[in-house]
Amino acid sequence: MTKQFAIAALTIGAIVLGTNNAKAQNTTATTTVNITLNDVISIDAGSAAIGNTVDFNYVTAADYNSDQTINKANSLKVTSTKNFNVKVKAGGANFMNGVNLIPVNVLTIKAATAAGTMGGTKSAVVLSATDQTLVANAPLGSALTLNLDYTIPAAKSSSSDILGKPAGTYTQTVTYTATAL
């Protein structure tokens, strides 16, 4: 009987000691998450200035004797991770129709009254073949829009810059450049 009592005591002891020595299990896990950033500045798709045209039509005497303004909504849509400038320039000194020329300085480009979501200091630019600042120190942001007004003032359309030129379509490219500060 002592033998049975000893076996029972050892069995109970093993059970009690065995449950106290159970290995602890992990209850937390840790993962490292990395976010790698690169500086970005982009004139985004959806900008009206990409592949679009601005058409001025002079049909009547009144057209030549008045300001003509064409508004282009969402002319530029910019995403930038830093503050930025927007510059504008013509692809040459003149609008051209074969050998016939109209100086590009007949055109003024400026932010529309409802300028869009792009901040910064906006300036009216008389177009030239050199870069000029249209928007200075625009705050960073995503898909910031700029609505532009293209204007040929009556003082230019009723001057020899345009009057007396042969009929036809005069063309020149306008390039916008966004540059991070």
C-alpha atoms as a PDB file:
ATOM      1  CA  MET A   1       0.000   0.000   0.000  1.00  0.00           C
ATOM      2  CA  THR A   2       2.868   2.317   0.661  1.00  0.00           C
ATOM      3  CA  LYS A   3       4.050   1.529  -2.789  1.00  0.00           C
ATOM      4  CA  GLN A   4       0.670   2.583  -4.246  1.00  0.00           C
ATOM      5  CA  PHE A   5       0.628   5.637  -2.034  1.00  0.00           C
ATOM      6  CA  ALA A   6       4.120   6.634  -3.246  1.00  0.00           C
ATOM      7  CA  ILE A   7       3.124   6.113  -6.901  1.00  0.00           C
ATOM      8  CA  ALA A   8      -0.026   8.213  -6.401  1.00  0.00           C
ATOM      9  CA  ALA A   9       1.968  10.954  -4.649  1.00  0.00           C
ATOM     10  CA  LEU A  10       4.569  10.991  -7.433  1.00  0.00           C
ATOM     11  CA  THR A  11       1.839  11.115 -10.107  1.00  0.00           C
ATOM     12  CA  ILE A  12       0.022  13.994  -8.385  1.00  0.00           C
ATOM     13  CA  GLY A  13       3.364  15.794  -7.867  1.00  0.00           C
ATOM     14  CA  ALA A  14       4.288  15.354 -11.534  1.00  0.00           C
ATOM     15  CA  ILE A  15       0.910  16.714 -12.631  1.00  0.00           C
ATOM     16  CA  VAL A  16       1.145  19.735 -10.316  1.00  0.00           C
ATOM     17  CA  LEU A  17       4.769  20.477 -11.159  1.00  0.00           C
ATOM     18  CA  GLY A  18       4.177  19.862 -14.873  1.00  0.00           C
ATOM     19  CA  THR A  19       1.443  22.505 -15.118  1.00  0.00           C
ATOM     20  CA  ASN A  20       3.570  25.087 -13.294  1.00  0.00           C
ATOM     21  CA  ASN A  21       6.481  24.569 -15.697  1.00  0.00           C
ATOM     22  CA  ALA A  22       4.464  25.176 -18.911  1.00  0.00           C
ATOM     23  CA  LYS A  23       6.382  27.381 -21.369  1.00  0.00           C
ATOM     24  CA  ALA A  24       5.181  31.008 -21.697  1.00  0.00           C
ATOM     25  CA  GLN A  25       3.700  31.895 -25.133  1.00  0.00           C
ATOM     26  CA  ASN A  26       4.242  35.162 -27.101  1.00  0.00           C
ATOM     27  CA  THR A  27       1.318  37.548 -26.777  1.00  0.00           C
ATOM     28  CA  THR A  28       2.764  40.422 -28.864  1.00  0.00           C
ATOM     29  CA  ALA A  29       4.558  40.796 -32.175  1.00  0.00           C
ATOM     30  CA  THR A  30       6.495  43.769 -33.519  1.00  0.00           C
ATOM     31  CA  THR A  31       6.844  44.750 -37.187  1.00  0.00           C
ATOM     32  CA  THR A  32       8.867  47.601 -38.653  1.00  0.00           C
ATOM     33  CA  VAL A  33       7.064  49.700 -41.265  1.00  0.00           C
ATOM     34  CA  ASN A  34       9.146  51.939 -43.531  1.00  0.00           C
ATOM     35  CA  ILE A  35       7.801  54.859 -45.563  1.00  0.00           C
ATOM     36  CA  THR A  36      10.325  56.005 -48.166  1.00  0.00           C
ATOM     37  CA  LEU A  37       9.670  59.448 -49.586  1.00  0.00           C
ATOM     38  CA  ASN A  38      11.096  61.071 -52.703  1.00  0.00           C
ATOM     39  CA  ASP A  39      10.680  64.670 -53.764  1.00  0.00           C
ATOM     40  CA  VAL A  40       8.117  64.989 -56.548  1.00  0.00           C
ATOM     41  CA  ILE A  41       6.980  67.846 -58.736  1.00  0.00           C
ATOM     42  CA  SER A  42       4.676  67.236 -61.662  1.00  0.00           C
ATOM     43  CA  ILE A  43       2.337  69.016 -64.023  1.00  0.00           C
ATOM     44  CA  ASP A  44      -0.337  66.346 -63.892  1.00  0.00           C
ATOM     45  CA  ALA A  45      -2.479  64.771 -66.571  1.00  0.00           C
ATOM     46  CA  GLY A  46      -5.752  66.645 -66.742  1.00  0.00           C
ATOM     47  CA  SER A  47      -3.963  69.983 -67.155  1.00  0.00           C
ATOM     48  CA  ALA A  48      -5.658  71.851 -69.996  1.00  0.00           C
ATOM     49  CA  ALA A  49      -2.229  73.186 -71.023  1.00  0.00           C
ATOM     50  CA  ILE A  50      -1.140  69.689 -72.055  1.00  0.00           C
ATOM     51  CA  GLY A  51      -1.875  69.345 -75.761  1.00  0.00           C
ATOM     52  CA  ASN A  52      -4.643  71.937 -75.773  1.00  0.00           C
ATOM     53  CA  THR A  53      -5.103  75.086 -77.860  1.00  0.00           C
ATOM     54  CA  VAL A  54      -6.192  78.637 -77.150  1.00  0.00           C
ATOM     55  CA  ASP A  55      -7.939  80.154 -80.161  1.00  0.00           C
ATOM     56  CA  PHE A  56      -8.387  83.897 -80.689  1.00  0.00           C
ATOM     57  CA  ASN A  57     -10.642  84.802 -83.605  1.00  0.00           C
ATOM     58  CA  TYR A  58     -10.711  88.275 -85.138  1.00  0.00           C
ATOM     59  CA  VAL A  59     -13.754  88.391 -87.404  1.00  0.00           C
ATOM     60  CA  THR A  60     -15.305  91.853 -86.971  1.00  0.00           C
ATOM     61  CA  ALA A  61     -14.056  95.405 -86.404  1.00  0.00           C
ATOM     62  CA  ALA A  62     -15.337  95.128 -82.828  1.00  0.00           C
ATOM     63  CA  ASP A  63     -12.991  92.150 -82.286  1.00  0.00           C
ATOM     64  CA  TYR A  64      -9.973  94.290 -83.219  1.00  0.00           C
ATOM     65  CA  ASN A  65     -11.154  97.186 -81.038  1.00  0.00           C
ATOM     66  CA  SER A  66     -11.764  95.316 -77.787  1.00  0.00           C
ATOM     67  CA  ASP A  67      -9.875  93.179 -75.321  1.00  0.00           C
ATOM     68  CA  GLN A  68     -10.247  89.468 -76.002  1.00  0.00           C
ATOM     69  CA  THR A  69      -9.852  87.093 -73.073  1.00  0.00           C
ATOM     70  CA  ILE A  70     -10.059  83.333 -73.169  1.00  0.00           C
ATOM     71  CA  ASN A  71     -10.365  81.565 -69.836  1.00  0.00           C
ATOM     72  CA  LYS A  72      -8.973  78.040 -69.519  1.00  0.00           C
ATOM     73  CA  ALA A  73     -10.113  76.210 -66.397  1.00  0.00           C
ATOM     74  CA  ASN A  74      -7.592  73.766 -64.937  1.00  0.00           C
ATOM     75  CA  SER A  75      -4.893  75.092 -67.240  1.00  0.00           C
ATOM     76  CA  LEU A  76      -2.357  73.607 -64.869  1.00  0.00           C
ATOM     77  CA  LYS A  77      -2.701  70.880 -62.274  1.00  0.00           C
ATOM     78  CA  VAL A  78       0.454  70.550 -60.158  1.00  0.00           C
ATOM     79  CA  THR A  79       1.510  68.065 -57.479  1.00  0.00           C
ATOM     80  CA  SER A  80       4.598  68.988 -55.475  1.00  0.00           C
ATOM     81  CA  THR A  81       6.149  67.802 -52.219  1.00  0.00           C
ATOM     82  CA  LYS A  82       7.813  71.206 -51.771  1.00  0.00           C
ATOM     83  CA  ASN A  83       6.872  74.820 -52.404  1.00  0.00           C
ATOM     84  CA  PHE A  84       7.342  75.708 -56.064  1.00  0.00           C
ATOM     85  CA  ASN A  85       7.347  78.328 -58.824  1.00  0.00           C
ATOM     86  CA  VAL A  86       5.566  78.171 -62.170  1.00  0.00           C
ATOM     87  CA  LYS A  87       7.265  79.869 -65.113  1.00  0.00           C
ATOM     88  CA  VAL A  88       6.005  80.475 -68.640  1.00  0.00           C
ATOM     89  CA  LYS A  89       7.664  81.239 -71.966  1.00  0.00           C
ATOM     90  CA  ALA A  90       6.937  81.195 -75.689  1.00  0.00           C
ATOM     91  CA  GLY A  91       8.719  78.819 -78.032  1.00  0.00           C
ATOM     92  CA  GLY A  92       9.973  81.798 -80.038  1.00  0.00           C
ATOM     93  CA  ALA A  93       9.738  85.570 -80.429  1.00  0.00           C
ATOM     94  CA  ASN A  94       6.742  85.532 -82.789  1.00  0.00           C
ATOM     95  CA  PHE A  95       3.470  83.877 -83.632  1.00  0.00           C
ATOM     96  CA  MET A  96       4.091  82.587 -87.156  1.00  0.00           C
ATOM     97  CA  ASN A  97       2.076  82.052 -90.308  1.00  0.00           C
ATOM     98  CA  GLY A  98       4.686  81.115 -92.884  1.00  0.00           C
ATOM     99  CA  VAL A  99       6.896  84.201 -93.238  1.00  0.00           C
ATOM    100  CA  ASN A 100       4.295  86.454 -91.579  1.00  0.00           C
ATOM    101  CA  LEU A 101       4.915  87.285 -87.919  1.00  0.00           C
ATOM    102  CA  ILE A 102       3.071  88.691 -84.905  1.00  0.00           C
ATOM    103  CA  PRO A 103       5.228  89.364 -81.808  1.00  0.00           C
ATOM    104  CA  VAL A 104       4.393  87.111 -78.850  1.00  0.00           C
ATOM    105  CA  ASN A 105       4.224  90.144 -76.553  1.00  0.00           C
ATOM    106  CA  VAL A 106       0.669  90.817 -77.813  1.00  0.00           C
ATOM    107  CA  LEU A 107      -0.456  88.080 -75.378  1.00  0.00           C
ATOM    108  CA  THR A 108      -0.788  88.444 -71.598  1.00  0.00           C
ATOM    109  CA  ILE A 109      -1.245  85.363 -69.403  1.00  0.00           C
ATOM    110  CA  LYS A 110      -2.455  85.652 -65.819  1.00  0.00           C
ATOM    111  CA  ALA A 111      -4.346  83.745 -63.149  1.00  0.00           C
ATOM    112  CA  ALA A 112      -8.098  83.999 -63.614  1.00  0.00           C
ATOM    113  CA  THR A 113     -10.226  85.792 -61.024  1.00  0.00           C
ATOM    114  CA  ALA A 114     -11.291  82.359 -59.750  1.00  0.00           C
ATOM    115  CA  ALA A 115      -7.678  81.159 -59.828  1.00  0.00           C
ATOM    116  CA  GLY A 116      -8.217  77.600 -58.556  1.00  0.00           C
ATOM    117  CA  THR A 117      -6.614  75.847 -55.583  1.00  0.00           C
ATOM    118  CA  MET A 118      -2.974  76.804 -56.234  1.00  0.00           C
ATOM    119  CA  GLY A 119      -1.659  79.378 -53.782  1.00  0.00           C
ATOM    120  CA  GLY A 120       1.392  81.590 -54.112  1.00  0.00           C
ATOM    121  CA  THR A 121       1.996  85.023 -55.549  1.00  0.00           C
ATOM    122  CA  LYS A 122       0.486  85.291 -59.020  1.00  0.00           C
ATOM    123  CA  SER A 123       1.667  87.750 -61.671  1.00  0.00           C
ATOM    124  CA  ALA A 124       0.375  88.805 -65.067  1.00  0.00           C
ATOM    125  CA  VAL A 125       2.992  87.920 -67.672  1.00  0.00           C
ATOM    126  CA  VAL A 126       3.411  89.593 -71.047  1.00  0.00           C
ATOM    127  CA  LEU A 127       4.574  86.622 -73.070  1.00  0.00           C
ATOM    128  CA  SER A 128       8.180  86.461 -74.275  1.00  0.00           C
ATOM    129  CA  ALA A 129      10.668  83.799 -75.351  1.00  0.00           C
ATOM    130  CA  THR A 130      12.356  83.885 -71.927  1.00  0.00           C
ATOM    131  CA  ASP A 131      11.076  82.271 -68.728  1.00  0.00           C
ATOM    132  CA  GLN A 132       8.955  84.566 -66.573  1.00  0.00           C
ATOM    133  CA  THR A 133       7.438  83.773 -63.194  1.00  0.00           C
ATOM    134  CA  LEU A 134       3.675  83.292 -63.373  1.00  0.00           C
ATOM    135  CA  VAL A 135       3.311  81.915 -59.804  1.00  0.00           C
ATOM    136  CA  ALA A 136       5.948  82.401 -57.095  1.00  0.00           C
ATOM    137  CA  ASN A 137       6.303  80.342 -53.912  1.00  0.00           C
ATOM    138  CA  ALA A 138       3.171  78.240 -54.340  1.00  0.00           C
ATOM    139  CA  PRO A 139       2.663  75.992 -51.297  1.00  0.00           C
ATOM    140  CA  LEU A 140       3.167  72.261 -51.703  1.00  0.00           C
ATOM    141  CA  GLY A 141       0.113  70.136 -52.376  1.00  0.00           C
ATOM    142  CA  SER A 142      -1.553  67.517 -54.504  1.00  0.00           C
ATOM    143  CA  ALA A 143      -3.442  68.225 -57.744  1.00  0.00           C
ATOM    144  CA  LEU A 144      -3.387  71.998 -57.180  1.00  0.00           C
ATOM    145  CA  THR A 145      -5.252  73.738 -60.011  1.00  0.00           C
ATOM    146  CA  LEU A 146      -4.569  77.044 -61.726  1.00  0.00           C
ATOM    147  CA  ASN A 147      -7.160  78.620 -64.024  1.00  0.00           C
ATOM    148  CA  LEU A 148      -5.618  80.998 -66.549  1.00  0.00           C
ATOM    149  CA  ASP A 149      -6.811  83.959 -68.584  1.00  0.00           C
ATOM    150  CA  TYR A 150      -5.174  84.516 -71.965  1.00  0.00           C
ATOM    151  CA  THR A 151      -5.710  88.127 -73.061  1.00  0.00           C
ATOM    152  CA  ILE A 152      -4.895  90.136 -76.162  1.00  0.00           C
ATOM    153  CA  PRO A 153      -5.665  93.726 -75.180  1.00  0.00           C
ATOM    154  CA  ALA A 154      -7.290  96.106 -77.662  1.00  0.00           C
ATOM    155  CA  ALA A 155      -4.146  98.248 -77.564  1.00  0.00           C
ATOM    156  CA  LYS A 156      -2.312  95.343 -79.235  1.00  0.00           C
ATOM    157  CA  SER A 157      -5.053  94.035 -81.557  1.00  0.00           C
ATOM    158  CA  SER A 158      -5.735  97.532 -82.911  1.00  0.00           C
ATOM    159  CA  SER A 159      -2.025  98.259 -83.459  1.00  0.00           C
ATOM    160  CA  SER A 160       0.356  97.394 -86.263  1.00  0.00           C
ATOM    161  CA  ASP A 161       1.363  94.322 -84.238  1.00  0.00           C
ATOM    162  CA  ILE A 162      -1.823  92.690 -85.582  1.00  0.00           C
ATOM    163  CA  LEU A 163      -3.498  95.141 -87.987  1.00  0.00           C
ATOM    164  CA  GLY A 164      -2.260  94.901 -91.556  1.00  0.00           C
ATOM    165  CA  LYS A 165      -1.053  91.307 -91.204  1.00  0.00           C
ATOM    166  CA  PRO A 166      -2.220  88.828 -93.865  1.00  0.00           C
ATOM    167  CA  ALA A 167      -5.286  86.758 -92.927  1.00  0.00           C
ATOM    168  CA  GLY A 168      -4.530  83.279 -91.556  1.00  0.00           C
ATOM    169  CA  THR A 169      -3.716  81.424 -88.386  1.00  0.00           C
ATOM    170  CA  TYR A 170      -0.582  82.495 -86.498  1.00  0.00           C
ATOM    171  CA  THR A 171       0.843  79.877 -84.136  1.00  0.00           C
ATOM    172  CA  GLN A 172       3.382  79.606 -81.325  1.00  0.00           C
ATOM    173  CA  THR A 173       3.866  77.174 -78.429  1.00  0.00           C
ATOM    174  CA  VAL A 174       3.706  78.229 -74.791  1.00  0.00           C
ATOM    175  CA  THR A 175       5.667  76.194 -72.237  1.00  0.00           C
ATOM    176  CA  TYR A 176       4.928  76.062 -68.505  1.00  0.00           C
ATOM    177  CA  THR A 177       7.569  74.805 -66.074  1.00  0.00           C
ATOM    178  CA  ALA A 178       7.004  73.965 -62.396  1.00  0.00           C
ATOM    179  CA  THR A 179      10.185  74.049 -60.295  1.00  0.00           C
ATOM    180  CA  ALA A 180      10.531  73.048 -56.644  1.00  0.00           C
ATOM    181  CA  LEU A 181      12.083  75.603 -54.285  1.00  0.00           C
END
